[in-house]
Amino acid sequence: MNAQQKLQSLVDQLNTVLVGKPSQVQDCVACLLAGGHLLIEDVPGVGKTTLAHALARTFGLQFSRVQFTADLMPSDLSGVSVYDRVKEDFVFHPGPLFTQVLLADEINRASPKTQSALLEAMEEKQVTVDGETRALPSPFFVIATQNPFDQIGTYALPESQLDRFLMRISLGYPDRRAERDLLSGRDRRALAGGLPGLLTSAELASLQQKVLDVHSAEPLLDYVQDLIAATRSGRWFLKGLSPRAGMAVLRAAKAQALLCGRDYVAPDDVQAILAQTVAHRLIPTGDAGRGSVEQVRAMLDEVPLP
């Protein structure tokens, strides 16, 4: 099975769990192929956690799930050192962060102190406990679910942490046909739990390298820079994209191109992933009357194609 067939089998298997949402499934696969962390934001009950489970299992990765709550402490994630009387020394007991995929369920119900414990792990792929730095397994992904901010018991994620997520997607309610499939079919969470792994860590690393090898021509890079400059113009957003965010856009666009069977990035790839990649990093101007996703789409209509 070649790389393109392998990618198609990944997407097809995920679509059996999350019915009626092919574009969101493709975004999720592109995010992990690009080596990025994924934030799934929506109201409870639309399949966020089920999708996260399905992704971890389909990619064949070791995973652990943590339910984020207001009393969750940083040590609950990273682990603790406990004194061992036999060894007469402190022994480190790793926490759930030491896995390939951390399913952070309802991440915005934890306090800012606990949120900050994730920053080093998400950016540096390591944690520092008791003055000692420990590397996390490779690959390491955070797939987090988040409830809307207007729900009771939620905290707004810090801007520095939002910037660590390559993509933020929203699932939305299913259409009538997809909902009928859900009502008449197997329980989707049970279905996700029985999915076979379709990749090994080596195969995933190979696909991620193929993403990096996707070609981006000079006119395409000009287009990406024009979009970044537009976010900094003050017309649509209070503050523009950082250079790190710009590199994230290009990486996600390369993954999108690979999923479409091409070895080069087209403007369509950039447009397909832009809102999911940058909207959570931007604050729309106050007089716009739109959310950040709508602002990104309005900006796209104004920036000329190469």
Protein backbone atom coordinates (compact mmCIF):
# COMPACT_ATOMS: atom_id res chain seq x y z
CA MET A 1 0.00 0.00 0.00
CA ASN A 2 1.55 3.33 -1.08
CA ALA A 3 1.43 6.54 0.94
CA GLN A 4 -1.64 7.92 -0.82
CA GLN A 5 -3.62 4.71 -0.27
CA LYS A 6 -2.53 4.69 3.38
CA LEU A 7 -3.74 8.26 3.86
CA GLN A 8 -7.06 7.49 2.20
CA SER A 9 -7.58 4.47 4.46
CA LEU A 10 -6.96 6.72 7.50
CA VAL A 11 -9.57 9.21 6.36
CA ASP A 12 -12.08 6.49 5.41
CA GLN A 13 -11.80 4.78 8.80
CA LEU A 14 -12.31 8.04 10.70
CA ASN A 15 -15.35 8.86 8.57
CA THR A 16 -17.01 5.67 9.81
CA VAL A 17 -16.93 7.13 13.35
CA LEU A 18 -17.57 10.82 12.71
CA VAL A 19 -20.32 10.62 10.11
CA GLY A 20 -21.22 13.57 7.91
CA LYS A 21 -18.09 15.61 8.72
CA PRO A 22 -15.54 14.81 5.97
CA SER A 23 -13.90 18.25 5.94
CA GLN A 24 -13.34 18.22 9.72
CA VAL A 25 -11.89 14.71 9.52
CA GLN A 26 -9.48 15.83 6.79
CA ASP A 27 -8.45 18.82 8.90
CA CYS A 28 -7.68 16.52 11.84
CA VAL A 29 -5.56 14.18 9.75
CA ALA A 30 -3.71 17.13 8.19
CA CYS A 31 -3.01 18.55 11.64
CA LEU A 32 -1.39 15.37 12.94
CA LEU A 33 0.53 14.80 9.69
CA ALA A 34 1.93 18.32 10.09
CA GLY A 35 3.09 17.39 13.60
CA GLY A 36 0.74 19.82 15.32
CA HIS A 37 -1.54 19.77 18.33
CA LEU A 38 -5.30 19.83 17.76
CA LEU A 39 -8.03 21.74 19.62
CA ILE A 40 -11.64 20.62 19.07
CA GLU A 41 -14.12 23.22 20.31
CA ASP A 42 -17.89 22.77 20.44
CA VAL A 43 -20.88 22.21 22.67
CA PRO A 44 -21.05 18.95 24.66
CA GLY A 45 -22.39 15.85 22.93
CA VAL A 46 -21.38 16.37 19.30
CA GLY A 47 -18.53 13.82 19.28
CA LYS A 48 -15.40 15.74 20.32
CA THR A 49 -14.02 13.10 22.67
CA THR A 50 -15.07 10.25 20.37
CA LEU A 51 -13.16 11.86 17.50
CA ALA A 52 -10.08 12.30 19.69
CA HIS A 53 -10.18 8.60 20.65
CA ALA A 54 -10.65 7.59 17.02
CA LEU A 55 -7.68 9.68 15.90
CA ALA A 56 -5.34 8.19 18.49
CA ARG A 57 -6.38 4.62 17.69
CA THR A 58 -6.35 5.05 13.90
CA PHE A 59 -2.85 6.53 13.98
CA GLY A 60 -1.71 3.55 16.05
CA LEU A 61 -0.39 5.67 18.92
CA GLN A 62 -0.21 5.08 22.66
CA PHE A 63 -2.59 7.44 24.38
CA SER A 64 -3.88 8.49 27.76
CA ARG A 65 -6.98 10.49 28.60
CA VAL A 66 -7.18 13.15 31.30
CA GLN A 67 -10.44 14.75 32.36
CA PHE A 68 -9.53 18.37 33.09
CA THR A 69 -11.25 19.77 36.18
CA ALA A 70 -10.90 22.86 38.35
CA ASP A 71 -8.87 20.97 40.99
CA LEU A 72 -6.43 19.32 38.55
CA MET A 73 -2.85 20.10 39.58
CA PRO A 74 0.25 20.33 37.34
CA SER A 75 1.76 17.28 39.07
CA ASP A 76 -1.35 15.30 38.09
CA LEU A 77 -0.12 15.68 34.50
CA SER A 78 3.65 15.54 34.73
CA GLY A 79 4.09 13.08 37.62
CA VAL A 80 5.73 13.18 41.03
CA SER A 81 8.85 11.96 42.81
CA VAL A 82 8.11 9.63 45.73
CA TYR A 83 10.61 8.52 48.34
CA ASP A 84 11.44 4.81 48.06
CA ARG A 85 12.58 3.36 51.41
CA VAL A 86 14.23 0.36 49.75
CA LYS A 87 16.31 2.45 47.38
CA GLU A 88 16.66 5.24 49.95
CA ASP A 89 16.08 7.74 47.20
CA PHE A 90 13.28 9.59 45.41
CA VAL A 91 11.82 7.71 42.44
CA PHE A 92 9.99 9.57 39.70
CA HIS A 93 6.54 8.26 38.79
CA PRO A 94 5.61 9.64 35.36
CA GLY A 95 2.16 11.14 34.84
CA PRO A 96 -0.20 10.84 31.87
CA LEU A 97 1.85 13.38 29.88
CA PHE A 98 4.34 10.59 29.17
CA THR A 99 2.43 9.20 26.22
CA GLN A 100 2.29 9.71 22.46
CA VAL A 101 -1.20 11.23 22.46
CA LEU A 102 -2.66 13.10 25.42
CA LEU A 103 -6.44 13.36 25.17
CA ALA A 104 -7.10 16.50 27.19
CA ASP A 105 -10.85 16.35 27.71
CA GLU A 106 -12.55 19.70 28.44
CA ILE A 107 -9.17 21.39 28.70
CA ASN A 108 -10.63 24.79 29.57
CA ARG A 109 -12.14 23.55 32.84
CA ALA A 110 -8.69 23.45 34.48
CA SER A 111 -7.11 26.44 36.19
CA PRO A 112 -4.54 28.70 34.48
CA LYS A 113 -1.81 27.19 36.70
CA THR A 114 -2.48 23.74 35.29
CA GLN A 115 -2.75 25.12 31.75
CA SER A 116 0.74 26.57 32.10
CA ALA A 117 2.11 23.11 32.90
CA LEU A 118 1.28 22.09 29.33
CA LEU A 119 3.23 24.89 27.65
CA GLU A 120 6.67 23.29 27.93
CA ALA A 121 5.33 19.88 26.93
CA MET A 122 3.54 21.20 23.84
CA GLU A 123 6.39 23.36 22.60
CA GLU A 124 9.57 21.58 23.71
CA LYS A 125 8.25 17.99 23.92
CA GLN A 126 9.71 17.73 27.42
CA VAL A 127 8.77 18.41 31.05
CA THR A 128 10.83 19.68 33.96
CA VAL A 129 10.05 18.16 37.36
CA ASP A 130 12.10 18.80 40.51
CA GLY A 131 14.73 20.58 38.43
CA GLU A 132 15.25 17.66 36.05
CA THR A 133 14.20 17.78 32.41
CA ARG A 134 12.65 14.62 30.98
CA ALA A 135 11.92 14.04 27.30
CA LEU A 136 8.43 12.98 26.26
CA PRO A 137 7.82 10.06 23.87
CA SER A 138 8.04 10.68 20.16
CA PRO A 139 5.77 11.55 18.50
CA PHE A 140 3.88 13.62 21.07
CA PHE A 141 0.50 15.18 20.36
CA VAL A 142 -2.09 16.93 22.46
CA ILE A 143 -5.65 16.45 21.19
CA ALA A 144 -7.77 18.68 23.39
CA THR A 145 -11.52 19.23 23.56
CA GLN A 146 -12.97 22.51 24.73
CA ASN A 147 -16.44 23.75 25.63
CA PRO A 148 -17.60 27.25 24.61
CA PHE A 149 -16.55 30.00 27.01
CA ASP A 150 -20.11 30.89 27.94
CA GLN A 151 -20.60 27.57 29.73
CA ILE A 152 -20.36 27.38 33.52
CA GLY A 153 -16.97 26.39 34.96
CA THR A 154 -14.79 27.21 31.96
CA TYR A 155 -11.66 29.34 31.75
CA ALA A 156 -10.38 31.15 28.68
CA LEU A 157 -7.16 29.48 27.50
CA PRO A 158 -4.09 31.76 27.64
CA GLU A 159 -3.04 33.23 24.30
CA SER A 160 0.37 31.58 24.66
CA GLN A 161 -1.27 28.17 24.92
CA LEU A 162 -3.73 28.75 22.09
CA ASP A 163 -0.73 29.55 19.91
CA ARG A 164 0.64 26.05 20.60
CA PHE A 165 -2.32 24.44 18.84
CA LEU A 166 -1.73 24.11 15.12
CA MET A 167 -5.48 23.93 14.41
CA ARG A 168 -8.78 24.60 16.12
CA ILE A 169 -11.83 22.99 14.57
CA SER A 170 -15.53 22.96 15.38
CA LEU A 171 -17.76 19.98 14.59
CA GLY A 172 -21.24 21.50 14.70
CA TYR A 173 -24.50 19.56 14.71
CA PRO A 174 -24.88 16.71 12.18
CA ASP A 175 -27.28 17.07 9.27
CA ARG A 176 -30.49 15.05 9.29
CA ARG A 177 -29.11 12.10 7.32
CA ALA A 178 -25.96 11.81 9.46
CA GLU A 179 -28.02 12.08 12.64
CA ARG A 180 -30.27 9.25 11.46
CA ASP A 181 -27.15 7.11 10.96
CA LEU A 182 -26.13 7.91 14.54
CA LEU A 183 -29.57 7.06 15.90
CA SER A 184 -29.89 3.76 14.06
CA GLY A 185 -26.27 2.56 14.14
CA ARG A 186 -23.75 1.34 16.71
CA ASP A 187 -22.64 3.54 19.58
CA ARG A 188 -19.85 5.66 18.10
CA ARG A 189 -17.72 5.67 21.25
CA ALA A 190 -17.73 1.85 21.34
CA LEU A 191 -16.91 1.84 17.62
CA ALA A 192 -13.96 4.19 18.17
CA GLY A 193 -12.63 1.96 20.96
CA GLY A 194 -12.42 -1.02 18.59
CA LEU A 195 -10.67 0.69 15.69
CA PRO A 196 -7.43 -0.94 14.48
CA GLY A 197 -4.23 1.07 14.25
CA LEU A 198 -3.36 1.75 10.62
CA LEU A 199 0.10 3.26 11.13
CA THR A 200 3.27 2.51 13.01
CA SER A 201 5.39 5.27 14.52
CA ALA A 202 7.92 4.78 11.72
CA GLU A 203 5.23 5.09 9.04
CA LEU A 204 3.89 8.24 10.66
CA ALA A 205 7.40 9.72 10.76
CA SER A 206 7.78 8.89 7.05
CA LEU A 207 4.50 10.61 6.20
CA GLN A 208 5.46 13.65 8.24
CA GLN A 209 8.71 13.86 6.28
CA LYS A 210 6.70 13.70 3.04
CA VAL A 211 4.74 16.72 4.31
CA LEU A 212 7.97 18.68 4.78
CA ASP A 213 9.10 17.68 1.27
CA VAL A 214 5.99 19.13 -0.40
CA HIS A 215 7.12 21.98 -2.65
CA SER A 216 6.01 25.57 -2.13
CA ALA A 217 6.78 27.87 -5.08
CA GLU A 218 7.85 31.51 -4.71
CA PRO A 219 4.44 32.93 -5.79
CA LEU A 220 2.75 30.72 -3.20
CA LEU A 221 5.10 32.00 -0.49
CA ASP A 222 4.29 35.55 -1.63
CA TYR A 223 0.60 34.75 -1.17
CA VAL A 224 1.16 33.42 2.36
CA GLN A 225 3.14 36.54 3.22
CA ASP A 226 0.39 38.75 1.82
CA LEU A 227 -2.12 36.99 4.07
CA ILE A 228 0.13 37.38 7.10
CA ALA A 229 0.61 41.08 6.29
CA ALA A 230 -3.15 41.50 5.97
CA THR A 231 -3.65 40.21 9.52
CA ARG A 232 -1.20 42.88 10.72
CA SER A 233 -2.84 45.76 8.86
CA GLY A 234 -5.24 46.59 11.70
CA ARG A 235 -8.23 46.40 9.39
CA TRP A 236 -9.47 42.98 10.47
CA PHE A 237 -7.59 42.10 13.66
CA LEU A 238 -6.21 43.88 16.70
CA LYS A 239 -2.85 42.10 16.42
CA GLY A 240 -1.44 40.16 13.49
CA LEU A 241 0.06 36.71 13.11
CA SER A 242 3.51 35.91 14.47
CA PRO A 243 6.24 34.33 12.31
CA ARG A 244 5.58 31.04 14.13
CA ALA A 245 1.94 31.20 13.09
CA GLY A 246 2.99 31.89 9.50
CA MET A 247 5.16 28.78 9.46
CA ALA A 248 2.23 26.82 10.92
CA VAL A 249 0.01 27.96 8.03
CA LEU A 250 2.53 26.72 5.46
CA ARG A 251 3.04 23.40 7.26
CA ALA A 252 -0.70 22.78 7.45
CA ALA A 253 -1.12 23.70 3.78
CA LYS A 254 1.59 21.19 2.86
CA ALA A 255 -0.24 18.47 4.77
CA GLN A 256 -3.46 19.40 2.99
CA ALA A 257 -1.70 19.18 -0.38
CA LEU A 258 -0.32 15.73 0.46
CA LEU A 259 -3.81 14.53 1.43
CA CYS A 260 -5.03 15.76 -1.97
CA GLY A 261 -2.34 13.70 -3.72
CA ARG A 262 -0.06 16.57 -4.78
CA ASP A 263 3.62 17.23 -4.14
CA TYR A 264 3.21 21.00 -4.30
CA VAL A 265 1.12 23.54 -2.39
CA ALA A 266 -1.66 25.34 -4.27
CA PRO A 267 -3.48 28.50 -3.11
CA ASP A 268 -6.56 26.30 -2.57
CA ASP A 269 -4.64 24.39 0.11
CA VAL A 270 -3.84 27.59 1.99
CA GLN A 271 -7.44 28.77 1.77
CA ALA A 272 -8.76 25.38 2.91
CA ILE A 273 -6.81 25.40 6.19
CA LEU A 274 -6.34 29.10 6.95
CA ALA A 275 -9.33 29.73 9.22
CA GLN A 276 -8.71 26.55 11.24
CA THR A 277 -5.02 27.41 11.61
CA VAL A 278 -5.13 31.10 12.51
CA ALA A 279 -8.59 32.10 13.81
CA HIS A 280 -7.82 31.03 17.40
CA ARG A 281 -4.68 33.17 17.32
CA LEU A 282 -6.46 36.38 16.30
CA ILE A 283 -8.85 38.86 17.92
CA PRO A 284 -11.16 40.62 15.44
CA THR A 285 -11.47 44.38 15.48
CA GLY A 286 -14.32 45.59 17.65
CA ASP A 287 -16.36 47.30 14.95
CA ALA A 288 -16.40 44.30 12.60
CA GLY A 289 -19.41 42.55 14.09
CA ARG A 290 -17.94 39.15 13.20
CA GLY A 291 -16.11 36.34 14.95
CA SER A 292 -12.50 35.54 14.14
CA VAL A 293 -13.39 32.74 11.68
CA GLU A 294 -15.73 35.03 9.73
CA GLN A 295 -13.06 37.74 9.75
CA VAL A 296 -10.47 35.37 8.30
CA ARG A 297 -12.85 34.45 5.49
CA ALA A 298 -13.63 38.10 4.80
CA MET A 299 -9.90 38.82 4.64
CA LEU A 300 -9.38 35.92 2.24
CA ASP A 301 -11.85 37.49 -0.17
CA GLU A 302 -9.83 40.72 -0.17
CA VAL A 303 -6.29 39.38 -0.62
CA PRO A 304 -5.58 38.74 -4.33
CA LEU A 305 -4.52 35.28 -5.48
CA PRO A 306 -1.02 34.83 -6.95
